[in-house]
Amino acid sequence: MSTKVRSDVLRADKAPQPVLAGVKSPAEMFLVKLFAVIPALALAAAVPLAWGWGLGWVDLGLAVFFYTLTCLGVTIGFHRYFTHGAFRANRGLRIALAVVGSMAMQGPVVGWVADHRRHHAYADREGDPHSPWLFGTSAGALAKGFWHAHMGWLFQRELTNAARFASDLLADEDIQRVNRWFPALTAVTLLAPGLAGGLITWSWWGALTGFFWAGLVRVAVLHHVTWSVNSICHMIGDRPFASRDKSANFWPLAILSMGESWHNSHHADPTCARHGVRRGQIDISARLIRVFEVFGWATNVRWPRPARTHKA
């Protein structure tokens, strides 16, 4: 089954169903806070720990590996494939992308996609779940908007209507199964680095530091890089292409975000598989999509075309 985005999904004026599907339950709100706060506290603790002890080459290697794996699961899987249909994937790749993206601990795939499609439908207007411009343009309003866009929106109780914004995923049995696996995949993404660290060093200390650095700290760093695309990349940066919102290209995040910070280019042409469309713009996600295409796992890839780029 293809997860190509339906043309009416991103048009707010044509969808008959409401934007919201109610509110998150107390249990869901607790889990959101847990997933957002615990890794953040670990990141804060990492500064003094890294200064004098507790971080070894094994921890660093595991952190880089799991960061890269789960970040690409979000950028290629959750974002470019499931949300925007930038290419078609065979069944094995589709399931793998859903699994690895879920291991980023940014929520189940259906909810993530529904939120992001809603973001594009109402970009930087009322209805956008995480625009930094919703409160005005004064210094105080922008400070409040930055917090809201970066992570404050996660603590709001409103729930995006998946039946309206992600009906294709709700009808996909494979994706529904992975969606239900999210709690188990959360445990895997936190515990696997500790298990690997313990086995590599053959020590409980290696297991503990692997869990801390490549588990908790890695998740926190990835959270803030992803959230920075929502906040920073809608506030500052270069805007070479016309779009109906305030999305911007912010080059300092290009490598850490695997190409997602070429955000103005993305909003100008949302279904394009490559966001860094200009010479010298690093887009690691697009490079890997090209590898998938060479192996035949990805087809109908929407690469940049001059007509589309110039039109933007």
C-alpha atoms as a PDB file:
ATOM      1  CA  MET A   1       0.000   0.000   0.000  1.00  0.00           C
ATOM      2  CA  SER A   2       1.326   3.424  -0.894  1.00  0.00           C
ATOM      3  CA  THR A   3       1.202   6.211   1.658  1.00  0.00           C
ATOM      4  CA  LYS A   4       1.019   8.964  -0.922  1.00  0.00           C
ATOM      5  CA  VAL A   5      -0.531  12.060   0.606  1.00  0.00           C
ATOM      6  CA  ARG A   6      -4.026  12.659  -0.709  1.00  0.00           C
ATOM      7  CA  SER A   7      -4.492  16.038  -2.341  1.00  0.00           C
ATOM      8  CA  ASP A   8      -7.324  16.965   0.016  1.00  0.00           C
ATOM      9  CA  VAL A   9      -5.407  16.152   3.213  1.00  0.00           C
ATOM     10  CA  LEU A  10      -3.389  19.355   3.068  1.00  0.00           C
ATOM     11  CA  ARG A  11      -6.319  21.613   2.140  1.00  0.00           C
ATOM     12  CA  ALA A  12      -8.100  22.844   5.218  1.00  0.00           C
ATOM     13  CA  ASP A  13     -11.033  24.310   3.309  1.00  0.00           C
ATOM     14  CA  LYS A  14     -12.058  20.991   1.719  1.00  0.00           C
ATOM     15  CA  ALA A  15     -11.894  18.537   4.585  1.00  0.00           C
ATOM     16  CA  PRO A  16     -15.344  17.913   6.078  1.00  0.00           C
ATOM     17  CA  GLN A  17     -14.068  16.532   9.369  1.00  0.00           C
ATOM     18  CA  PRO A  18     -12.998  18.675  12.332  1.00  0.00           C
ATOM     19  CA  VAL A  19      -9.321  19.469  12.900  1.00  0.00           C
ATOM     20  CA  LEU A  20      -9.310  18.083  16.425  1.00  0.00           C
ATOM     21  CA  ALA A  21     -10.452  14.707  17.683  1.00  0.00           C
ATOM     22  CA  GLY A  22     -10.835  15.712  21.322  1.00  0.00           C
ATOM     23  CA  VAL A  23      -8.192  15.857  24.006  1.00  0.00           C
ATOM     24  CA  LYS A  24      -5.423  13.591  25.196  1.00  0.00           C
ATOM     25  CA  SER A  25      -6.212  11.373  28.151  1.00  0.00           C
ATOM     26  CA  PRO A  26      -4.441  11.905  31.498  1.00  0.00           C
ATOM     27  CA  ALA A  27      -2.361   8.795  30.776  1.00  0.00           C
ATOM     28  CA  GLU A  28      -1.302  10.191  27.377  1.00  0.00           C
ATOM     29  CA  MET A  29      -0.393  13.544  28.928  1.00  0.00           C
ATOM     30  CA  PHE A  30       1.703  11.775  31.572  1.00  0.00           C
ATOM     31  CA  LEU A  31       3.595   9.812  28.911  1.00  0.00           C
ATOM     32  CA  VAL A  32       4.221  12.938  26.822  1.00  0.00           C
ATOM     33  CA  LYS A  33       5.705  14.699  29.834  1.00  0.00           C
ATOM     34  CA  LEU A  34       7.734  11.634  30.743  1.00  0.00           C
ATOM     35  CA  PHE A  35       9.171  11.227  27.245  1.00  0.00           C
ATOM     36  CA  ALA A  36       9.981  14.941  26.940  1.00  0.00           C
ATOM     37  CA  VAL A  37      11.260  15.692  30.443  1.00  0.00           C
ATOM     38  CA  ILE A  38      13.325  12.631  31.428  1.00  0.00           C
ATOM     39  CA  PRO A  39      15.680  12.767  28.401  1.00  0.00           C
ATOM     40  CA  ALA A  40      15.947  16.546  28.846  1.00  0.00           C
ATOM     41  CA  LEU A  41      17.042  16.097  32.453  1.00  0.00           C
ATOM     42  CA  ALA A  42      19.599  13.541  31.287  1.00  0.00           C
ATOM     43  CA  LEU A  43      20.909  16.066  28.760  1.00  0.00           C
ATOM     44  CA  ALA A  44      21.268  18.680  31.501  1.00  0.00           C
ATOM     45  CA  ALA A  45      23.135  16.168  33.664  1.00  0.00           C
ATOM     46  CA  ALA A  46      25.396  15.263  30.738  1.00  0.00           C
ATOM     47  CA  VAL A  47      27.288  18.570  30.865  1.00  0.00           C
ATOM     48  CA  PRO A  48      28.997  18.015  34.249  1.00  0.00           C
ATOM     49  CA  LEU A  49      29.329  14.292  33.580  1.00  0.00           C
ATOM     50  CA  ALA A  50      31.135  14.832  30.279  1.00  0.00           C
ATOM     51  CA  TRP A  51      33.473  17.343  31.863  1.00  0.00           C
ATOM     52  CA  GLY A  52      35.446  14.873  33.897  1.00  0.00           C
ATOM     53  CA  TRP A  53      34.179  11.298  33.729  1.00  0.00           C
ATOM     54  CA  GLY A  54      31.550   8.872  32.495  1.00  0.00           C
ATOM     55  CA  LEU A  55      31.872   9.281  28.709  1.00  0.00           C
ATOM     56  CA  GLY A  56      33.987   6.827  26.726  1.00  0.00           C
ATOM     57  CA  TRP A  57      34.546   6.037  23.070  1.00  0.00           C
ATOM     58  CA  VAL A  58      32.098   3.125  23.230  1.00  0.00           C
ATOM     59  CA  ASP A  59      29.388   5.443  24.568  1.00  0.00           C
ATOM     60  CA  LEU A  60      30.139   8.025  21.885  1.00  0.00           C
ATOM     61  CA  GLY A  61      30.073   5.448  19.105  1.00  0.00           C
ATOM     62  CA  LEU A  62      26.787   3.973  20.296  1.00  0.00           C
ATOM     63  CA  ALA A  63      25.252   7.438  20.668  1.00  0.00           C
ATOM     64  CA  VAL A  64      26.231   8.414  17.114  1.00  0.00           C
ATOM     65  CA  PHE A  65      24.927   5.115  15.726  1.00  0.00           C
ATOM     66  CA  PHE A  66      21.560   5.238  17.467  1.00  0.00           C
ATOM     67  CA  TYR A  67      21.176   8.978  16.801  1.00  0.00           C
ATOM     68  CA  THR A  68      21.776   8.514  13.084  1.00  0.00           C
ATOM     69  CA  LEU A  69      19.492   5.487  12.874  1.00  0.00           C
ATOM     70  CA  THR A  70      16.540   7.023  14.680  1.00  0.00           C
ATOM     71  CA  CYS A  71      16.957  10.485  13.161  1.00  0.00           C
ATOM     72  CA  LEU A  72      16.792   9.017   9.654  1.00  0.00           C
ATOM     73  CA  GLY A  73      13.759   6.999  10.745  1.00  0.00           C
ATOM     74  CA  VAL A  74      12.026  10.319  11.395  1.00  0.00           C
ATOM     75  CA  THR A  75      13.368  12.363   8.489  1.00  0.00           C
ATOM     76  CA  ILE A  76      13.019   9.735   5.770  1.00  0.00           C
ATOM     77  CA  GLY A  77      10.250   7.622   7.277  1.00  0.00           C
ATOM     78  CA  PHE A  78       7.850   9.684   9.345  1.00  0.00           C
ATOM     79  CA  HIS A  79       8.398  12.909   7.398  1.00  0.00           C
ATOM     80  CA  ARG A  80       9.302  12.486   3.742  1.00  0.00           C
ATOM     81  CA  TYR A  81       7.617   9.122   3.197  1.00  0.00           C
ATOM     82  CA  PHE A  82       4.608   8.740   5.480  1.00  0.00           C
ATOM     83  CA  THR A  83       3.653  12.424   5.710  1.00  0.00           C
ATOM     84  CA  HIS A  84       4.435  13.673   2.220  1.00  0.00           C
ATOM     85  CA  GLY A  85       4.658  10.625  -0.042  1.00  0.00           C
ATOM     86  CA  ALA A  86       8.000  11.746  -1.502  1.00  0.00           C
ATOM     87  CA  PHE A  87       8.553   8.185  -2.762  1.00  0.00           C
ATOM     88  CA  ARG A  88       6.946   4.768  -2.710  1.00  0.00           C
ATOM     89  CA  ALA A  89       8.479   2.038  -0.566  1.00  0.00           C
ATOM     90  CA  ASN A  90       8.156  -1.714  -0.709  1.00  0.00           C
ATOM     91  CA  ARG A  91       6.556  -3.398   2.270  1.00  0.00           C
ATOM     92  CA  GLY A  92       9.806  -4.275   4.049  1.00  0.00           C
ATOM     93  CA  LEU A  93      11.174  -0.730   3.821  1.00  0.00           C
ATOM     94  CA  ARG A  94       7.827   0.768   4.844  1.00  0.00           C
ATOM     95  CA  ILE A  95       7.663  -1.310   8.011  1.00  0.00           C
ATOM     96  CA  ALA A  96      11.340  -0.730   8.806  1.00  0.00           C
ATOM     97  CA  LEU A  97      10.921   3.046   8.476  1.00  0.00           C
ATOM     98  CA  ALA A  98       7.889   2.986  10.772  1.00  0.00           C
ATOM     99  CA  VAL A  99       9.762   0.921  13.373  1.00  0.00           C
ATOM    100  CA  VAL A 100      12.978   2.954  13.348  1.00  0.00           C
ATOM    101  CA  GLY A 101      11.081   6.268  13.306  1.00  0.00           C
ATOM    102  CA  SER A 102       9.097   5.132  16.354  1.00  0.00           C
ATOM    103  CA  MET A 103      12.396   4.513  18.152  1.00  0.00           C
ATOM    104  CA  ALA A 104      13.039   8.270  18.093  1.00  0.00           C
ATOM    105  CA  MET A 105      10.492   8.543  20.938  1.00  0.00           C
ATOM    106  CA  GLN A 106       8.571  11.351  19.243  1.00  0.00           C
ATOM    107  CA  GLY A 107       5.257   9.564  19.435  1.00  0.00           C
ATOM    108  CA  PRO A 108       3.499   6.838  17.428  1.00  0.00           C
ATOM    109  CA  VAL A 109       3.669   7.149  13.651  1.00  0.00           C
ATOM    110  CA  VAL A 110      -0.031   7.909  13.057  1.00  0.00           C
ATOM    111  CA  GLY A 111      -0.145  10.795  15.531  1.00  0.00           C
ATOM    112  CA  TRP A 112       3.177  12.210  14.279  1.00  0.00           C
ATOM    113  CA  VAL A 113       1.985  12.207  10.678  1.00  0.00           C
ATOM    114  CA  ALA A 114      -1.414  13.679  11.552  1.00  0.00           C
ATOM    115  CA  ASP A 115       0.227  16.545  13.461  1.00  0.00           C
ATOM    116  CA  HIS A 116       2.648  17.290  10.642  1.00  0.00           C
ATOM    117  CA  ARG A 117       0.051  17.223   7.890  1.00  0.00           C
ATOM    118  CA  ARG A 118      -2.017  19.591  10.000  1.00  0.00           C
ATOM    119  CA  HIS A 119       1.067  21.811  10.333  1.00  0.00           C
ATOM    120  CA  HIS A 120       1.330  22.079   6.545  1.00  0.00           C
ATOM    121  CA  ALA A 121      -2.389  22.652   6.126  1.00  0.00           C
ATOM    122  CA  TYR A 122      -2.301  25.689   8.458  1.00  0.00           C
ATOM    123  CA  ALA A 123       1.378  26.655   8.384  1.00  0.00           C
ATOM    124  CA  ASP A 124       1.942  29.704  10.610  1.00  0.00           C
ATOM    125  CA  ARG A 125      -1.790  30.351  10.839  1.00  0.00           C
ATOM    126  CA  GLU A 126      -4.398  29.519  13.446  1.00  0.00           C
ATOM    127  CA  GLY A 127      -4.699  25.749  13.449  1.00  0.00           C
ATOM    128  CA  ASP A 128      -0.978  25.120  13.079  1.00  0.00           C
ATOM    129  CA  PRO A 129      -0.079  23.013  16.155  1.00  0.00           C
ATOM    130  CA  HIS A 130       3.388  24.522  16.570  1.00  0.00           C
ATOM    131  CA  SER A 131       3.852  27.883  14.876  1.00  0.00           C
ATOM    132  CA  PRO A 132       6.052  30.423  16.738  1.00  0.00           C
ATOM    133  CA  TRP A 133       3.991  33.279  15.261  1.00  0.00           C
ATOM    134  CA  LEU A 134       0.629  32.522  16.874  1.00  0.00           C
ATOM    135  CA  PHE A 135       0.944  35.102  19.663  1.00  0.00           C
ATOM    136  CA  GLY A 136       2.154  38.166  17.765  1.00  0.00           C
ATOM    137  CA  THR A 137       5.421  39.795  16.732  1.00  0.00           C
ATOM    138  CA  SER A 138       6.530  41.643  19.869  1.00  0.00           C
ATOM    139  CA  ALA A 139       9.596  40.426  21.734  1.00  0.00           C
ATOM    140  CA  GLY A 140       7.462  38.870  24.472  1.00  0.00           C
ATOM    141  CA  ALA A 141       5.091  37.266  21.981  1.00  0.00           C
ATOM    142  CA  LEU A 142       7.971  35.763  20.007  1.00  0.00           C
ATOM    143  CA  ALA A 143       9.602  34.422  23.162  1.00  0.00           C
ATOM    144  CA  LYS A 144       6.298  32.777  24.065  1.00  0.00           C
ATOM    145  CA  GLY A 145       5.928  31.592  20.481  1.00  0.00           C
ATOM    146  CA  PHE A 146       9.400  30.078  20.436  1.00  0.00           C
ATOM    147  CA  TRP A 147       8.669  28.041  23.562  1.00  0.00           C
ATOM    148  CA  HIS A 148       5.309  26.965  22.147  1.00  0.00           C
ATOM    149  CA  ALA A 149       6.775  25.902  18.786  1.00  0.00           C
ATOM    150  CA  HIS A 150       9.816  24.224  20.306  1.00  0.00           C
ATOM    151  CA  MET A 151       8.135  22.013  22.887  1.00  0.00           C
ATOM    152  CA  GLY A 152       5.307  23.815  24.673  1.00  0.00           C
ATOM    153  CA  TRP A 153       2.739  22.555  22.152  1.00  0.00           C
ATOM    154  CA  LEU A 154       3.459  18.995  23.261  1.00  0.00           C
ATOM    155  CA  PHE A 155       1.942  19.729  26.673  1.00  0.00           C
ATOM    156  CA  GLN A 156      -1.351  20.972  25.260  1.00  0.00           C
ATOM    157  CA  ARG A 157      -4.208  18.506  25.514  1.00  0.00           C
ATOM    158  CA  GLU A 158      -5.632  18.915  22.015  1.00  0.00           C
ATOM    159  CA  LEU A 159      -5.459  15.840  19.801  1.00  0.00           C
ATOM    160  CA  THR A 160      -5.175  16.132  16.011  1.00  0.00           C
ATOM    161  CA  ASN A 161      -7.906  14.251  14.149  1.00  0.00           C
ATOM    162  CA  ALA A 162      -6.091  11.293  12.592  1.00  0.00           C
ATOM    163  CA  ALA A 163      -9.234  10.271  10.691  1.00  0.00           C
ATOM    164  CA  ARG A 164      -8.966  13.524   8.766  1.00  0.00           C
ATOM    165  CA  PHE A 165      -5.205  13.917   8.422  1.00  0.00           C
ATOM    166  CA  ALA A 166      -3.922  10.324   8.368  1.00  0.00           C
ATOM    167  CA  SER A 167      -6.773   8.132   7.139  1.00  0.00           C
ATOM    168  CA  ASP A 168      -4.380   6.290   4.798  1.00  0.00           C
ATOM    169  CA  LEU A 169      -2.285   5.134   7.756  1.00  0.00           C
ATOM    170  CA  LEU A 170      -5.350   4.147   9.762  1.00  0.00           C
ATOM    171  CA  ALA A 171      -6.278   1.832   6.888  1.00  0.00           C
ATOM    172  CA  ASP A 172      -2.806   0.239   6.726  1.00  0.00           C
ATOM    173  CA  GLU A 173      -2.691  -2.891   8.907  1.00  0.00           C
ATOM    174  CA  ASP A 174       1.128  -2.984   9.006  1.00  0.00           C
ATOM    175  CA  ILE A 175       1.356   0.603  10.181  1.00  0.00           C
ATOM    176  CA  GLN A 176      -1.420   0.142  12.713  1.00  0.00           C
ATOM    177  CA  ARG A 177       0.534  -2.778  14.158  1.00  0.00           C
ATOM    178  CA  VAL A 178       3.704  -0.691  14.457  1.00  0.00           C
ATOM    179  CA  ASN A 179       1.636   2.129  15.947  1.00  0.00           C
ATOM    180  CA  ARG A 180       0.533  -0.229  18.726  1.00  0.00           C
ATOM    181  CA  TRP A 181       4.132  -1.333  19.258  1.00  0.00           C
ATOM    182  CA  PHE A 182       5.224   2.182  20.249  1.00  0.00           C
ATOM    183  CA  PRO A 183       5.561   1.475  24.015  1.00  0.00           C
ATOM    184  CA  ALA A 184       7.675  -1.620  23.307  1.00  0.00           C
ATOM    185  CA  LEU A 185       9.821   0.249  20.770  1.00  0.00           C
ATOM    186  CA  THR A 186      10.356   2.990  23.353  1.00  0.00           C
ATOM    187  CA  ALA A 187      11.769   0.381  25.722  1.00  0.00           C
ATOM    188  CA  VAL A 188      13.967  -0.997  22.938  1.00  0.00           C
ATOM    189  CA  THR A 189      15.412   2.389  21.986  1.00  0.00           C
ATOM    190  CA  LEU A 190      16.378   3.111  25.607  1.00  0.00           C
ATOM    191  CA  LEU A 191      17.580  -0.339  26.656  1.00  0.00           C
ATOM    192  CA  ALA A 192      19.353  -1.541  23.495  1.00  0.00           C
ATOM    193  CA  PRO A 193      22.256   0.940  23.867  1.00  0.00           C
ATOM    194  CA  GLY A 194      22.770  -0.177  27.458  1.00  0.00           C
ATOM    195  CA  LEU A 195      22.731  -3.827  26.423  1.00  0.00           C
ATOM    196  CA  ALA A 196      25.214  -3.128  23.623  1.00  0.00           C
ATOM    197  CA  GLY A 197      27.462  -1.110  25.940  1.00  0.00           C
ATOM    198  CA  GLY A 198      27.432  -3.868  28.535  1.00  0.00           C
ATOM    199  CA  LEU A 199      28.276  -6.570  26.008  1.00  0.00           C
ATOM    200  CA  ILE A 200      31.036  -4.549  24.320  1.00  0.00           C
ATOM    201  CA  THR A 201      32.766  -3.610  27.591  1.00  0.00           C
ATOM    202  CA  TRP A 202      31.606  -6.741  29.420  1.00  0.00           C
ATOM    203  CA  SER A 203      30.716  -4.650  32.446  1.00  0.00           C
ATOM    204  CA  TRP A 204      27.706  -3.246  34.269  1.00  0.00           C
ATOM    205  CA  TRP A 205      29.330   0.183  34.121  1.00  0.00           C
ATOM    206  CA  GLY A 206      29.419  -0.020  30.320  1.00  0.00           C
ATOM    207  CA  ALA A 207      25.734  -0.945  30.361  1.00  0.00           C
ATOM    208  CA  LEU A 208      24.904   2.032  32.607  1.00  0.00           C
ATOM    209  CA  THR A 209      26.874   4.597  30.588  1.00  0.00           C
ATOM    210  CA  GLY A 210      25.524   3.175  27.318  1.00  0.00           C
ATOM    211  CA  PHE A 211      21.974   3.568  28.608  1.00  0.00           C
ATOM    212  CA  PHE A 212      22.690   7.118  29.770  1.00  0.00           C
ATOM    213  CA  TRP A 213      24.611   8.501  26.771  1.00  0.00           C
ATOM    214  CA  ALA A 214      23.302   6.502  23.817  1.00  0.00           C
ATOM    215  CA  GLY A 215      19.845   6.102  25.344  1.00  0.00           C
ATOM    216  CA  LEU A 216      18.631   9.103  27.326  1.00  0.00           C
ATOM    217  CA  VAL A 217      21.042  11.818  26.136  1.00  0.00           C
ATOM    218  CA  ARG A 218      20.817  10.729  22.494  1.00  0.00           C
ATOM    219  CA  VAL A 219      17.001  10.882  22.607  1.00  0.00           C
ATOM    220  CA  ALA A 220      17.114  14.345  24.199  1.00  0.00           C
ATOM    221  CA  VAL A 221      19.509  15.732  21.577  1.00  0.00           C
ATOM    222  CA  LEU A 222      17.368  14.328  18.762  1.00  0.00           C
ATOM    223  CA  HIS A 223      14.233  15.770  20.348  1.00  0.00           C
ATOM    224  CA  HIS A 224      15.706  19.256  20.447  1.00  0.00           C
ATOM    225  CA  VAL A 225      17.082  19.074  16.910  1.00  0.00           C
ATOM    226  CA  THR A 226      13.649  18.036  15.613  1.00  0.00           C
ATOM    227  CA  TRP A 227      11.894  20.669  17.697  1.00  0.00           C
ATOM    228  CA  SER A 228      14.343  23.298  16.425  1.00  0.00           C
ATOM    229  CA  VAL A 229      13.037  22.736  12.905  1.00  0.00           C
ATOM    230  CA  ASN A 230       9.578  23.659  14.239  1.00  0.00           C
ATOM    231  CA  SER A 231      10.815  26.717  16.113  1.00  0.00           C
ATOM    232  CA  ILE A 232      14.090  28.150  14.742  1.00  0.00           C
ATOM    233  CA  CYS A 233      13.364  27.237  11.120  1.00  0.00           C
ATOM    234  CA  HIS A 234      10.134  29.227  11.223  1.00  0.00           C
ATOM    235  CA  MET A 235      11.799  32.286  12.738  1.00  0.00           C
ATOM    236  CA  ILE A 236      15.266  32.916  11.304  1.00  0.00           C
ATOM    237  CA  GLY A 237      17.220  31.921   8.231  1.00  0.00           C
ATOM    238  CA  ASP A 238      17.239  32.293   4.456  1.00  0.00           C
ATOM    239  CA  ARG A 239      14.016  32.318   2.407  1.00  0.00           C
ATOM    240  CA  PRO A 240      15.027  31.833  -1.239  1.00  0.00           C
ATOM    241  CA  PHE A 241      11.668  30.358  -2.304  1.00  0.00           C
ATOM    242  CA  ALA A 242       8.167  31.770  -2.066  1.00  0.00           C
ATOM    243  CA  SER A 243       5.881  30.017   0.399  1.00  0.00           C
ATOM    244  CA  ARG A 244       2.723  31.015   2.217  1.00  0.00           C
ATOM    245  CA  ASP A 245       4.395  30.806   5.622  1.00  0.00           C
ATOM    246  CA  LYS A 246       7.556  31.945   7.414  1.00  0.00           C
ATOM    247  CA  SER A 247       9.617  28.768   6.924  1.00  0.00           C
ATOM    248  CA  ALA A 248      13.353  29.379   6.506  1.00  0.00           C
ATOM    249  CA  ASN A 249      16.534  27.518   5.620  1.00  0.00           C
ATOM    250  CA  PHE A 250      18.863  27.386   8.635  1.00  0.00           C
ATOM    251  CA  TRP A 251      22.212  25.903   7.577  1.00  0.00           C
ATOM    252  CA  PRO A 252      23.804  25.309  11.039  1.00  0.00           C
ATOM    253  CA  LEU A 253      21.327  22.467  11.660  1.00  0.00           C
ATOM    254  CA  ALA A 254      21.718  20.803   8.242  1.00  0.00           C
ATOM    255  CA  ILE A 255      23.935  17.915   9.354  1.00  0.00           C
ATOM    256  CA  LEU A 256      22.348  17.217  12.749  1.00  0.00           C
ATOM    257  CA  SER A 257      18.868  17.298  11.193  1.00  0.00           C
ATOM    258  CA  MET A 258      19.954  15.143   8.225  1.00  0.00           C
ATOM    259  CA  GLY A 259      18.797  17.852   5.812  1.00  0.00           C
ATOM    260  CA  GLU A 260      15.533  18.849   7.478  1.00  0.00           C
ATOM    261  CA  SER A 261      16.644  22.395   8.253  1.00  0.00           C
ATOM    262  CA  TRP A 262      16.419  23.376   4.566  1.00  0.00           C
ATOM    263  CA  HIS A 263      12.903  24.141   5.657  1.00  0.00           C
ATOM    264  CA  ASN A 264      11.926  26.926   3.274  1.00  0.00           C
ATOM    265  CA  SER A 265      12.823  24.696   0.351  1.00  0.00           C
ATOM    266  CA  HIS A 266      10.656  21.965   1.880  1.00  0.00           C
ATOM    267  CA  HIS A 267       7.625  24.177   2.421  1.00  0.00           C
ATOM    268  CA  ALA A 268       7.930  25.505  -1.114  1.00  0.00           C
ATOM    269  CA  ASP A 269       7.795  21.941  -2.481  1.00  0.00           C
ATOM    270  CA  PRO A 270       6.585  19.634   0.337  1.00  0.00           C
ATOM    271  CA  THR A 271       6.505  16.342  -1.598  1.00  0.00           C
ATOM    272  CA  CYS A 272      10.076  16.636  -2.871  1.00  0.00           C
ATOM    273  CA  ALA A 273      12.426  13.928  -1.576  1.00  0.00           C
ATOM    274  CA  ARG A 274      15.370  16.343  -1.370  1.00  0.00           C
ATOM    275  CA  HIS A 275      15.157  19.433   0.821  1.00  0.00           C
ATOM    276  CA  GLY A 276      18.659  20.758   0.165  1.00  0.00           C
ATOM    277  CA  VAL A 277      18.009  21.550  -3.487  1.00  0.00           C
ATOM    278  CA  ARG A 278      20.834  24.025  -4.066  1.00  0.00           C
ATOM    279  CA  ARG A 279      24.524  23.357  -4.635  1.00  0.00           C
ATOM    280  CA  GLY A 280      26.388  22.714  -1.396  1.00  0.00           C
ATOM    281  CA  GLN A 281      23.264  22.114   0.705  1.00  0.00           C
ATOM    282  CA  ILE A 282      23.955  18.877   2.583  1.00  0.00           C
ATOM    283  CA  ASP A 283      20.956  16.554   2.750  1.00  0.00           C
ATOM    284  CA  ILE A 284      21.928  13.166   4.181  1.00  0.00           C
ATOM    285  CA  SER A 285      18.342  11.926   4.105  1.00  0.00           C
ATOM    286  CA  ALA A 286      18.097  12.499   0.359  1.00  0.00           C
ATOM    287  CA  ARG A 287      21.371  10.615  -0.194  1.00  0.00           C
ATOM    288  CA  LEU A 288      19.990   7.570   1.606  1.00  0.00           C
ATOM    289  CA  ILE A 289      16.710   7.748  -0.306  1.00  0.00           C
ATOM    290  CA  ARG A 290      18.822   7.612  -3.458  1.00  0.00           C
ATOM    291  CA  VAL A 291      20.481   4.433  -2.127  1.00  0.00           C
ATOM    292  CA  PHE A 292      17.035   2.921  -1.506  1.00  0.00           C
ATOM    293  CA  GLU A 293      16.115   3.827  -5.075  1.00  0.00           C
ATOM    294  CA  VAL A 294      19.243   2.174  -6.513  1.00  0.00           C
ATOM    295  CA  PHE A 295      18.443  -1.053  -4.653  1.00  0.00           C
ATOM    296  CA  GLY A 296      14.849  -0.935  -5.890  1.00  0.00           C
ATOM    297  CA  TRP A 297      13.350  -0.568  -2.411  1.00  0.00           C
ATOM    298  CA  ALA A 298      12.070   2.958  -3.205  1.00  0.00           C
ATOM    299  CA  THR A 299      10.356   3.913  -6.460  1.00  0.00           C
ATOM    300  CA  ASN A 300       8.589   6.939  -7.918  1.00  0.00           C
ATOM    301  CA  VAL A 301      10.951   9.211  -6.017  1.00  0.00           C
ATOM    302  CA  ARG A 302      10.024  12.866  -6.373  1.00  0.00           C
ATOM    303  CA  TRP A 303      13.391  14.473  -7.048  1.00  0.00           C
ATOM    304  CA  PRO A 304      13.658  18.248  -7.636  1.00  0.00           C
ATOM    305  CA  ARG A 305      12.699  19.394 -11.113  1.00  0.00           C
ATOM    306  CA  PRO A 306      13.660  22.815 -12.492  1.00  0.00           C
ATOM    307  CA  ALA A 307      10.050  23.675 -13.305  1.00  0.00           C
ATOM    308  CA  ARG A 308       8.944  23.009  -9.727  1.00  0.00           C
ATOM    309  CA  THR A 309      11.948  24.773  -8.202  1.00  0.00           C
ATOM    310  CA  HIS A 310      11.505  27.874 -10.349  1.00  0.00           C
ATOM    311  CA  LYS A 311       7.781  27.900  -9.711  1.00  0.00           C
ATOM    312  CA  ALA A 312       8.514  27.912  -5.978  1.00  0.00           C
END
